[in-house]
Amino acid sequence: MSAFRDMLARQDDAALAAVASVGLLRRARLRLAEGDTPACVEETAQDARVKVGTHIVDLSAAGPGHARCECPATGLCRHILIAVLHLRETL
């Protein structure tokens, strides 16, 4: 298993809520259910690039706390959480 997939396997809801918040995780799940459908643009053994709506999220094996999103939010945003949730379920 790659370092990136190992990181994803460790990202259960408790881990995501700890790095973000329960409310932000809940909003990310709601947006995902309402159709904020992400698409994996590129994946390597160390990272992935995911398109969430109109935003691009760059995730690495370092985890969601080190991810980058091009949206104007500071820190961890719902797009990053949506990308992690999506990848966790599909990879």
PDB file of N, CA and C in Angstrom:
ATOM      1  N   MET A   1       0.847  -1.181   0.000  1.00  0.00           N
ATOM      2  CA  MET A   1       0.000   0.000   0.000  1.00  0.00           C
ATOM      3  C   MET A   1       0.891   1.241   0.000  1.00  0.00           C
ATOM      4  N   SER A   2       0.488   2.269  -0.727  1.00  0.00           N
ATOM      5  CA  SER A   2       1.281   3.491  -0.824  1.00  0.00           C
ATOM      6  C   SER A   2       1.130   4.342   0.437  1.00  0.00           C
ATOM      7  N   ALA A   3       2.049   5.249   0.633  1.00  0.00           N
ATOM      8  CA  ALA A   3       2.000   6.162   1.779  1.00  0.00           C
ATOM      9  C   ALA A   3       0.716   6.999   1.736  1.00  0.00           C
ATOM     10  N   PHE A   4       0.304   7.383   0.540  1.00  0.00           N
ATOM     11  CA  PHE A   4      -0.912   8.182   0.402  1.00  0.00           C
ATOM     12  C   PHE A   4      -2.139   7.390   0.823  1.00  0.00           C
ATOM     13  N   ARG A   5      -2.241   6.172   0.372  1.00  0.00           N
ATOM     14  CA  ARG A   5      -3.395   5.337   0.747  1.00  0.00           C
ATOM     15  C   ARG A   5      -3.373   4.964   2.222  1.00  0.00           C
ATOM     16  N   ASP A   6      -2.180   4.799   2.784  1.00  0.00           N
ATOM     17  CA  ASP A   6      -2.065   4.570   4.235  1.00  0.00           C
ATOM     18  C   ASP A   6      -2.642   5.755   4.998  1.00  0.00           C
ATOM     19  N   MET A   7      -2.306   6.965   4.553  1.00  0.00           N
ATOM     20  CA  MET A   7      -2.828   8.167   5.197  1.00  0.00           C
ATOM     21  C   MET A   7      -4.346   8.196   5.110  1.00  0.00           C
ATOM     22  N   LEU A   8      -4.889   7.902   3.938  1.00  0.00           N
ATOM     23  CA  LEU A   8      -6.346   7.904   3.783  1.00  0.00           C
ATOM     24  C   LEU A   8      -7.014   6.892   4.708  1.00  0.00           C
ATOM     25  N   ALA A   9      -6.413   5.744   4.872  1.00  0.00           N
ATOM     26  CA  ALA A   9      -6.983   4.707   5.733  1.00  0.00           C
ATOM     27  C   ALA A   9      -7.060   5.167   7.189  1.00  0.00           C
ATOM     28  N   ARG A  10      -6.172   6.063   7.587  1.00  0.00           N
ATOM     29  CA  ARG A  10      -6.163   6.567   8.965  1.00  0.00           C
ATOM     30  C   ARG A  10      -7.150   7.712   9.181  1.00  0.00           C
ATOM     31  N   GLN A  11      -7.746   8.214   8.126  1.00  0.00           N
ATOM     32  CA  GLN A  11      -8.622   9.385   8.229  1.00  0.00           C
ATOM     33  C   GLN A  11     -10.077   8.985   8.476  1.00  0.00           C
ATOM     34  N   ASP A  12     -10.343   8.451   9.666  1.00  0.00           N
ATOM     35  CA  ASP A  12     -11.730   8.170  10.018  1.00  0.00           C
ATOM     36  C   ASP A  12     -12.390   9.482  10.450  1.00  0.00           C
ATOM     37  N   ASP A  13     -13.676   9.434  10.762  1.00  0.00           N
ATOM     38  CA  ASP A  13     -14.395  10.656  11.104  1.00  0.00           C
ATOM     39  C   ASP A  13     -13.810  11.342  12.331  1.00  0.00           C
ATOM     40  N   ALA A  14     -13.360  10.579  13.326  1.00  0.00           N
ATOM     41  CA  ALA A  14     -12.773  11.179  14.531  1.00  0.00           C
ATOM     42  C   ALA A  14     -11.496  11.946  14.192  1.00  0.00           C
ATOM     43  N   ALA A  15     -10.671  11.396  13.322  1.00  0.00           N
ATOM     44  CA  ALA A  15      -9.428  12.067  12.923  1.00  0.00           C
ATOM     45  C   ALA A  15      -9.730  13.339  12.132  1.00  0.00           C
ATOM     46  N   LEU A  16     -10.707  13.282  11.240  1.00  0.00           N
ATOM     47  CA  LEU A  16     -11.063  14.465  10.455  1.00  0.00           C
ATOM     48  C   LEU A  16     -11.673  15.551  11.330  1.00  0.00           C
ATOM     49  N   ALA A  17     -12.518  15.176  12.283  1.00  0.00           N
ATOM     50  CA  ALA A  17     -13.111  16.152  13.196  1.00  0.00           C
ATOM     51  C   ALA A  17     -12.038  16.782  14.084  1.00  0.00           C
ATOM     52  N   ALA A  18     -11.018  16.024  14.437  1.00  0.00           N
ATOM     53  CA  ALA A  18      -9.948  16.549  15.282  1.00  0.00           C
ATOM     54  C   ALA A  18      -9.106  17.586  14.538  1.00  0.00           C
ATOM     55  N   VAL A  19      -8.880  17.372  13.252  1.00  0.00           N
ATOM     56  CA  VAL A  19      -8.052  18.306  12.485  1.00  0.00           C
ATOM     57  C   VAL A  19      -8.882  19.487  11.969  1.00  0.00           C
ATOM     58  N   ALA A  20     -10.184  19.327  11.864  1.00  0.00           N
ATOM     59  CA  ALA A  20     -11.075  20.400  11.399  1.00  0.00           C
ATOM     60  C   ALA A  20     -12.016  20.747  12.546  1.00  0.00           C
ATOM     61  N   SER A  21     -13.238  20.305  12.440  1.00  0.00           N
ATOM     62  CA  SER A  21     -14.237  20.414  13.502  1.00  0.00           C
ATOM     63  C   SER A  21     -15.399  19.507  13.129  1.00  0.00           C
ATOM     64  N   VAL A  22     -16.199  19.173  14.110  1.00  0.00           N
ATOM     65  CA  VAL A  22     -17.358  18.321  13.843  1.00  0.00           C
ATOM     66  C   VAL A  22     -18.315  19.037  12.900  1.00  0.00           C
ATOM     67  N   GLY A  23     -18.504  20.337  13.097  1.00  0.00           N
ATOM     68  CA  GLY A  23     -19.413  21.108  12.250  1.00  0.00           C
ATOM     69  C   GLY A  23     -18.946  21.183  10.804  1.00  0.00           C
ATOM     70  N   LEU A  24     -17.654  21.421  10.611  1.00  0.00           N
ATOM     71  CA  LEU A  24     -17.122  21.489   9.251  1.00  0.00           C
ATOM     72  C   LEU A  24     -17.224  20.129   8.565  1.00  0.00           C
ATOM     73  N   LEU A  25     -16.966  19.065   9.302  1.00  0.00           N
ATOM     74  CA  LEU A  25     -17.102  17.717   8.750  1.00  0.00           C
ATOM     75  C   LEU A  25     -18.557  17.446   8.377  1.00  0.00           C
ATOM     76  N   ARG A  26     -19.483  17.852   9.219  1.00  0.00           N
ATOM     77  CA  ARG A  26     -20.912  17.660   8.936  1.00  0.00           C
ATOM     78  C   ARG A  26     -21.311  18.433   7.670  1.00  0.00           C
ATOM     79  N   ARG A  27     -20.840  19.674   7.537  1.00  0.00           N
ATOM     80  CA  ARG A  27     -21.154  20.471   6.344  1.00  0.00           C
ATOM     81  C   ARG A  27     -20.536  19.855   5.086  1.00  0.00           C
ATOM     82  N   ALA A  28     -19.341  19.317   5.217  1.00  0.00           N
ATOM     83  CA  ALA A  28     -18.698  18.658   4.066  1.00  0.00           C
ATOM     84  C   ALA A  28     -19.511  17.443   3.635  1.00  0.00           C
ATOM     85  N   ARG A  29     -19.950  16.649   4.593  1.00  0.00           N
ATOM     86  CA  ARG A  29     -20.778  15.476   4.262  1.00  0.00           C
ATOM     87  C   ARG A  29     -22.082  15.900   3.588  1.00  0.00           C
ATOM     88  N   LEU A  30     -22.681  16.973   4.091  1.00  0.00           N
ATOM     89  CA  LEU A  30     -23.928  17.471   3.522  1.00  0.00           C
ATOM     90  C   LEU A  30     -23.714  17.931   2.083  1.00  0.00           C
ATOM     91  N   ARG A  31     -22.660  18.691   1.828  1.00  0.00           N
ATOM     92  CA  ARG A  31     -22.362  19.149   0.467  1.00  0.00           C
ATOM     93  C   ARG A  31     -22.073  17.972  -0.462  1.00  0.00           C
ATOM     94  N   LEU A  32     -21.390  16.964   0.044  1.00  0.00           N
ATOM     95  CA  LEU A  32     -21.104  15.769  -0.746  1.00  0.00           C
ATOM     96  C   LEU A  32     -22.407  15.061  -1.115  1.00  0.00           C
ATOM     97  N   ALA A  33     -23.317  14.953  -0.157  1.00  0.00           N
ATOM     98  CA  ALA A  33     -24.608  14.304  -0.408  1.00  0.00           C
ATOM     99  C   ALA A  33     -25.485  15.128  -1.353  1.00  0.00           C
ATOM    100  N   GLU A  34     -25.322  16.449  -1.331  1.00  0.00           N
ATOM    101  CA  GLU A  34     -26.140  17.324  -2.165  1.00  0.00           C
ATOM    102  C   GLU A  34     -25.597  17.495  -3.579  1.00  0.00           C
ATOM    103  N   GLY A  35     -24.473  16.849  -3.873  1.00  0.00           N
ATOM    104  CA  GLY A  35     -23.998  16.887  -5.244  1.00  0.00           C
ATOM    105  C   GLY A  35     -22.681  17.592  -5.484  1.00  0.00           C
ATOM    106  N   ASP A  36     -21.966  17.977  -4.439  1.00  0.00           N
ATOM    107  CA  ASP A  36     -20.630  18.554  -4.610  1.00  0.00           C
ATOM    108  C   ASP A  36     -19.692  17.408  -4.980  1.00  0.00           C
ATOM    109  N   THR A  37     -19.898  16.850  -6.167  1.00  0.00           N
ATOM    110  CA  THR A  37     -19.218  15.632  -6.580  1.00  0.00           C
ATOM    111  C   THR A  37     -17.770  15.899  -6.970  1.00  0.00           C
ATOM    112  N   PRO A  38     -16.835  15.315  -6.221  1.00  0.00           N
ATOM    113  CA  PRO A  38     -15.419  15.498  -6.548  1.00  0.00           C
ATOM    114  C   PRO A  38     -14.971  14.550  -7.657  1.00  0.00           C
ATOM    115  N   ALA A  39     -13.883  14.909  -8.281  1.00  0.00           N
ATOM    116  CA  ALA A  39     -13.286  14.065  -9.314  1.00  0.00           C
ATOM    117  C   ALA A  39     -11.779  14.053  -9.104  1.00  0.00           C
ATOM    118  N   CYS A  40     -11.215  12.862  -9.020  1.00  0.00           N
ATOM    119  CA  CYS A  40      -9.771  12.742  -8.873  1.00  0.00           C
ATOM    120  C   CYS A  40      -9.133  13.078 -10.210  1.00  0.00           C
ATOM    121  N   VAL A  41      -8.311  14.103 -10.208  1.00  0.00           N
ATOM    122  CA  VAL A  41      -7.659  14.543 -11.431  1.00  0.00           C
ATOM    123  C   VAL A  41      -6.368  13.774 -11.642  1.00  0.00           C
ATOM    124  N   GLU A  42      -5.665  13.531 -10.544  1.00  0.00           N
ATOM    125  CA  GLU A  42      -4.366  12.875 -10.637  1.00  0.00           C
ATOM    126  C   GLU A  42      -4.035  12.233  -9.292  1.00  0.00           C
ATOM    127  N   GLU A  43      -3.454  11.030  -9.318  1.00  0.00           N
ATOM    128  CA  GLU A  43      -3.026  10.366  -8.090  1.00  0.00           C
ATOM    129  C   GLU A  43      -1.681   9.699  -8.323  1.00  0.00           C
ATOM    130  N   THR A  44      -0.801   9.849  -7.335  1.00  0.00           N
ATOM    131  CA  THR A  44       0.473   9.141  -7.331  1.00  0.00           C
ATOM    132  C   THR A  44       0.557   8.385  -6.010  1.00  0.00           C
ATOM    133  N   ALA A  45       1.676   7.742  -5.763  1.00  0.00           N
ATOM    134  CA  ALA A  45       1.861   7.020  -4.505  1.00  0.00           C
ATOM    135  C   ALA A  45       1.980   7.968  -3.323  1.00  0.00           C
ATOM    136  N   GLN A  46       2.263   9.250  -3.571  1.00  0.00           N
ATOM    137  CA  GLN A  46       2.485  10.215  -2.499  1.00  0.00           C
ATOM    138  C   GLN A  46       1.432  11.306  -2.377  1.00  0.00           C
ATOM    139  N   ASP A  47       0.627  11.514  -3.424  1.00  0.00           N
ATOM    140  CA  ASP A  47      -0.332  12.617  -3.364  1.00  0.00           C
ATOM    141  C   ASP A  47      -1.458  12.437  -4.367  1.00  0.00           C
ATOM    142  N   ALA A  48      -2.408  13.370  -4.291  1.00  0.00           N
ATOM    143  CA  ALA A  48      -3.519  13.375  -5.242  1.00  0.00           C
ATOM    144  C   ALA A  48      -3.987  14.801  -5.447  1.00  0.00           C
ATOM    145  N   ARG A  49      -4.536  15.048  -6.598  1.00  0.00           N
ATOM    146  CA  ARG A  49      -5.161  16.323  -6.935  1.00  0.00           C
ATOM    147  C   ARG A  49      -6.616  15.993  -7.232  1.00  0.00           C
ATOM    148  N   VAL A  50      -7.513  16.708  -6.556  1.00  0.00           N
ATOM    149  CA  VAL A  50      -8.943  16.431  -6.667  1.00  0.00           C
ATOM    150  C   VAL A  50      -9.672  17.724  -6.993  1.00  0.00           C
ATOM    151  N   LYS A  51     -10.588  17.660  -7.939  1.00  0.00           N
ATOM    152  CA  LYS A  51     -11.423  18.812  -8.255  1.00  0.00           C
ATOM    153  C   LYS A  51     -12.730  18.673  -7.483  1.00  0.00           C
ATOM    154  N   VAL A  52     -13.033  19.673  -6.672  1.00  0.00           N
ATOM    155  CA  VAL A  52     -14.270  19.704  -5.885  1.00  0.00           C
ATOM    156  C   VAL A  52     -15.019  20.965  -6.307  1.00  0.00           C
ATOM    157  N   GLY A  53     -16.084  20.781  -7.045  1.00  0.00           N
ATOM    158  CA  GLY A  53     -16.781  21.938  -7.600  1.00  0.00           C
ATOM    159  C   GLY A  53     -15.852  22.651  -8.568  1.00  0.00           C
ATOM    160  N   THR A  54     -15.587  23.914  -8.296  1.00  0.00           N
ATOM    161  CA  THR A  54     -14.692  24.688  -9.150  1.00  0.00           C
ATOM    162  C   THR A  54     -13.292  24.816  -8.551  1.00  0.00           C
ATOM    163  N   HIS A  55     -13.047  24.147  -7.428  1.00  0.00           N
ATOM    164  CA  HIS A  55     -11.777  24.286  -6.710  1.00  0.00           C
ATOM    165  C   HIS A  55     -10.906  23.038  -6.854  1.00  0.00           C
ATOM    166  N   ILE A  56      -9.608  23.253  -6.865  1.00  0.00           N
ATOM    167  CA  ILE A  56      -8.642  22.157  -6.921  1.00  0.00           C
ATOM    168  C   ILE A  56      -8.028  21.985  -5.528  1.00  0.00           C
ATOM    169  N   VAL A  57      -8.024  20.745  -5.053  1.00  0.00           N
ATOM    170  CA  VAL A  57      -7.442  20.402  -3.753  1.00  0.00           C
ATOM    171  C   VAL A  57      -6.222  19.518  -3.997  1.00  0.00           C
ATOM    172  N   ASP A  58      -5.120  19.882  -3.382  1.00  0.00           N
ATOM    173  CA  ASP A  58      -3.896  19.078  -3.428  1.00  0.00           C
ATOM    174  C   ASP A  58      -3.690  18.422  -2.076  1.00  0.00           C
ATOM    175  N   LEU A  59      -3.728  17.093  -2.062  1.00  0.00           N
ATOM    176  CA  LEU A  59      -3.533  16.305  -0.845  1.00  0.00           C
ATOM    177  C   LEU A  59      -2.242  15.522  -0.954  1.00  0.00           C
ATOM    178  N   SER A  60      -1.557  15.376   0.178  1.00  0.00           N
ATOM    179  CA  SER A  60      -0.335  14.575   0.176  1.00  0.00           C
ATOM    180  C   SER A  60      -0.416  13.539   1.289  1.00  0.00           C
ATOM    181  N   ALA A  61       0.576  12.688   1.332  1.00  0.00           N
ATOM    182  CA  ALA A  61       0.644  11.660   2.371  1.00  0.00           C
ATOM    183  C   ALA A  61       0.825  12.272   3.755  1.00  0.00           C
ATOM    184  N   ALA A  62       1.135  13.569   3.827  1.00  0.00           N
ATOM    185  CA  ALA A  62       1.269  14.262   5.112  1.00  0.00           C
ATOM    186  C   ALA A  62      -0.078  14.439   5.803  1.00  0.00           C
ATOM    187  N   GLY A  63      -1.175  14.302   5.072  1.00  0.00           N
ATOM    188  CA  GLY A  63      -2.502  14.361   5.675  1.00  0.00           C
ATOM    189  C   GLY A  63      -3.260  15.636   5.360  1.00  0.00           C
ATOM    190  N   PRO A  64      -4.538  15.678   5.736  1.00  0.00           N
ATOM    191  CA  PRO A  64      -5.396  16.805   5.390  1.00  0.00           C
ATOM    192  C   PRO A  64      -4.955  18.123   6.027  1.00  0.00           C
ATOM    193  N   GLY A  65      -4.277  18.075   7.147  1.00  0.00           N
ATOM    194  CA  GLY A  65      -3.790  19.298   7.772  1.00  0.00           C
ATOM    195  C   GLY A  65      -2.748  20.024   6.945  1.00  0.00           C
ATOM    196  N   HIS A  66      -2.152  19.323   5.987  1.00  0.00           N
ATOM    197  CA  HIS A  66      -1.139  19.903   5.107  1.00  0.00           C
ATOM    198  C   HIS A  66      -1.655  20.093   3.681  1.00  0.00           C
ATOM    199  N   ALA A  67      -2.940  19.835   3.477  1.00  0.00           N
ATOM    200  CA  ALA A  67      -3.527  19.955   2.135  1.00  0.00           C
ATOM    201  C   ALA A  67      -3.687  21.420   1.758  1.00  0.00           C
ATOM    202  N   ARG A  68      -3.793  21.656   0.469  1.00  0.00           N
ATOM    203  CA  ARG A  68      -4.008  23.007  -0.052  1.00  0.00           C
ATOM    204  C   ARG A  68      -5.241  23.018  -0.939  1.00  0.00           C
ATOM    205  N   CYS A  69      -5.998  24.085  -0.796  1.00  0.00           N
ATOM    206  CA  CYS A  69      -7.163  24.311  -1.658  1.00  0.00           C
ATOM    207  C   CYS A  69      -7.056  25.723  -2.189  1.00  0.00           C
ATOM    208  N   GLU A  70      -7.512  25.923  -3.404  1.00  0.00           N
ATOM    209  CA  GLU A  70      -7.417  27.250  -3.994  1.00  0.00           C
ATOM    210  C   GLU A  70      -8.576  28.167  -3.629  1.00  0.00           C
ATOM    211  N   CYS A  71      -9.492  27.711  -2.762  1.00  0.00           N
ATOM    212  CA  CYS A  71     -10.593  28.576  -2.338  1.00  0.00           C
ATOM    213  C   CYS A  71     -10.059  29.641  -1.372  1.00  0.00           C
ATOM    214  N   PRO A  72     -10.834  30.681  -1.114  1.00  0.00           N
ATOM    215  CA  PRO A  72     -10.345  31.763  -0.265  1.00  0.00           C
ATOM    216  C   PRO A  72     -10.315  31.452   1.238  1.00  0.00           C
ATOM    217  N   ALA A  73     -10.834  30.318   1.652  1.00  0.00           N
ATOM    218  CA  ALA A  73     -10.832  29.978   3.082  1.00  0.00           C
ATOM    219  C   ALA A  73      -9.406  29.825   3.593  1.00  0.00           C
ATOM    220  N   THR A  74      -9.199  30.204   4.836  1.00  0.00           N
ATOM    221  CA  THR A  74      -7.887  30.010   5.449  1.00  0.00           C
ATOM    222  C   THR A  74      -7.899  28.688   6.201  1.00  0.00           C
ATOM    223  N   GLY A  75      -6.818  27.963   6.122  1.00  0.00           N
ATOM    224  CA  GLY A  75      -6.736  26.681   6.811  1.00  0.00           C
ATOM    225  C   GLY A  75      -7.512  25.593   6.099  1.00  0.00           C
ATOM    226  N   LEU A  76      -7.948  24.639   6.872  1.00  0.00           N
ATOM    227  CA  LEU A  76      -8.651  23.485   6.328  1.00  0.00           C
ATOM    228  C   LEU A  76     -10.086  23.869   5.977  1.00  0.00           C
ATOM    229  N   CYS A  77     -10.500  23.607   4.748  1.00  0.00           N
ATOM    230  CA  CYS A  77     -11.842  23.978   4.287  1.00  0.00           C
ATOM    231  C   CYS A  77     -12.665  22.726   3.976  1.00  0.00           C
ATOM    232  N   ARG A  78     -13.922  22.963   3.678  1.00  0.00           N
ATOM    233  CA  ARG A  78     -14.809  21.829   3.382  1.00  0.00           C
ATOM    234  C   ARG A  78     -14.391  21.105   2.110  1.00  0.00           C
ATOM    235  N   HIS A  79     -13.765  21.802   1.161  1.00  0.00           N
ATOM    236  CA  HIS A  79     -13.320  21.157  -0.074  1.00  0.00           C
ATOM    237  C   HIS A  79     -12.272  20.086   0.223  1.00  0.00           C
ATOM    238  N   ILE A  80     -11.388  20.379   1.147  1.00  0.00           N
ATOM    239  CA  ILE A  80     -10.371  19.395   1.542  1.00  0.00           C
ATOM    240  C   ILE A  80     -11.041  18.193   2.186  1.00  0.00           C
ATOM    241  N   LEU A  81     -11.983  18.447   3.079  1.00  0.00           N
ATOM    242  CA  LEU A  81     -12.684  17.327   3.719  1.00  0.00           C
ATOM    243  C   LEU A  81     -13.477  16.510   2.708  1.00  0.00           C
ATOM    244  N   ILE A  82     -14.133  17.179   1.771  1.00  0.00           N
ATOM    245  CA  ILE A  82     -14.882  16.468   0.730  1.00  0.00           C
ATOM    246  C   ILE A  82     -13.942  15.595  -0.078  1.00  0.00           C
ATOM    247  N   ALA A  83     -12.774  16.125  -0.428  1.00  0.00           N
ATOM    248  CA  ALA A  83     -11.797  15.346  -1.200  1.00  0.00           C
ATOM    249  C   ALA A  83     -11.348  14.116  -0.420  1.00  0.00           C
ATOM    250  N   VAL A  84     -11.056  14.277   0.869  1.00  0.00           N
ATOM    251  CA  VAL A  84     -10.622  13.136   1.688  1.00  0.00           C
ATOM    252  C   VAL A  84     -11.737  12.110   1.800  1.00  0.00           C
ATOM    253  N   LEU A  85     -12.956  12.569   2.084  1.00  0.00           N
ATOM    254  CA  LEU A  85     -14.086  11.634   2.191  1.00  0.00           C
ATOM    255  C   LEU A  85     -14.285  10.862   0.895  1.00  0.00           C
ATOM    256  N   HIS A  86     -14.224  11.569  -0.213  1.00  0.00           N
ATOM    257  CA  HIS A  86     -14.404  10.931  -1.519  1.00  0.00           C
ATOM    258  C   HIS A  86     -13.307   9.895  -1.788  1.00  0.00           C
ATOM    259  N   LEU A  87     -12.065  10.291  -1.594  1.00  0.00           N
ATOM    260  CA  LEU A  87     -10.949   9.368  -1.858  1.00  0.00           C
ATOM    261  C   LEU A  87     -10.964   8.184  -0.906  1.00  0.00           C
ATOM    262  N   ARG A  88     -11.309   8.439   0.320  1.00  0.00           N
ATOM    263  CA  ARG A  88     -11.381   7.369   1.311  1.00  0.00           C
ATOM    264  C   ARG A  88     -12.388   6.292   0.894  1.00  0.00           C
ATOM    265  N   GLU A  89     -13.479   6.729   0.288  1.00  0.00           N
ATOM    266  CA  GLU A  89     -14.518   5.791  -0.132  1.00  0.00           C
ATOM    267  C   GLU A  89     -14.255   5.141  -1.482  1.00  0.00           C
ATOM    268  N   THR A  90     -13.484   5.782  -2.331  1.00  0.00           N
ATOM    269  CA  THR A  90     -13.325   5.280  -3.694  1.00  0.00           C
ATOM    270  C   THR A  90     -11.987   4.599  -3.984  1.00  0.00           C
ATOM    271  N   LEU A  91     -10.969   4.849  -3.171  1.00  0.00           N
ATOM    272  CA  LEU A  91      -9.664   4.235  -3.446  1.00  0.00           C
ATOM    273  C   LEU A  91      -9.460   2.975  -2.631  1.00  0.00           C
TER     274      LEU A  91
END
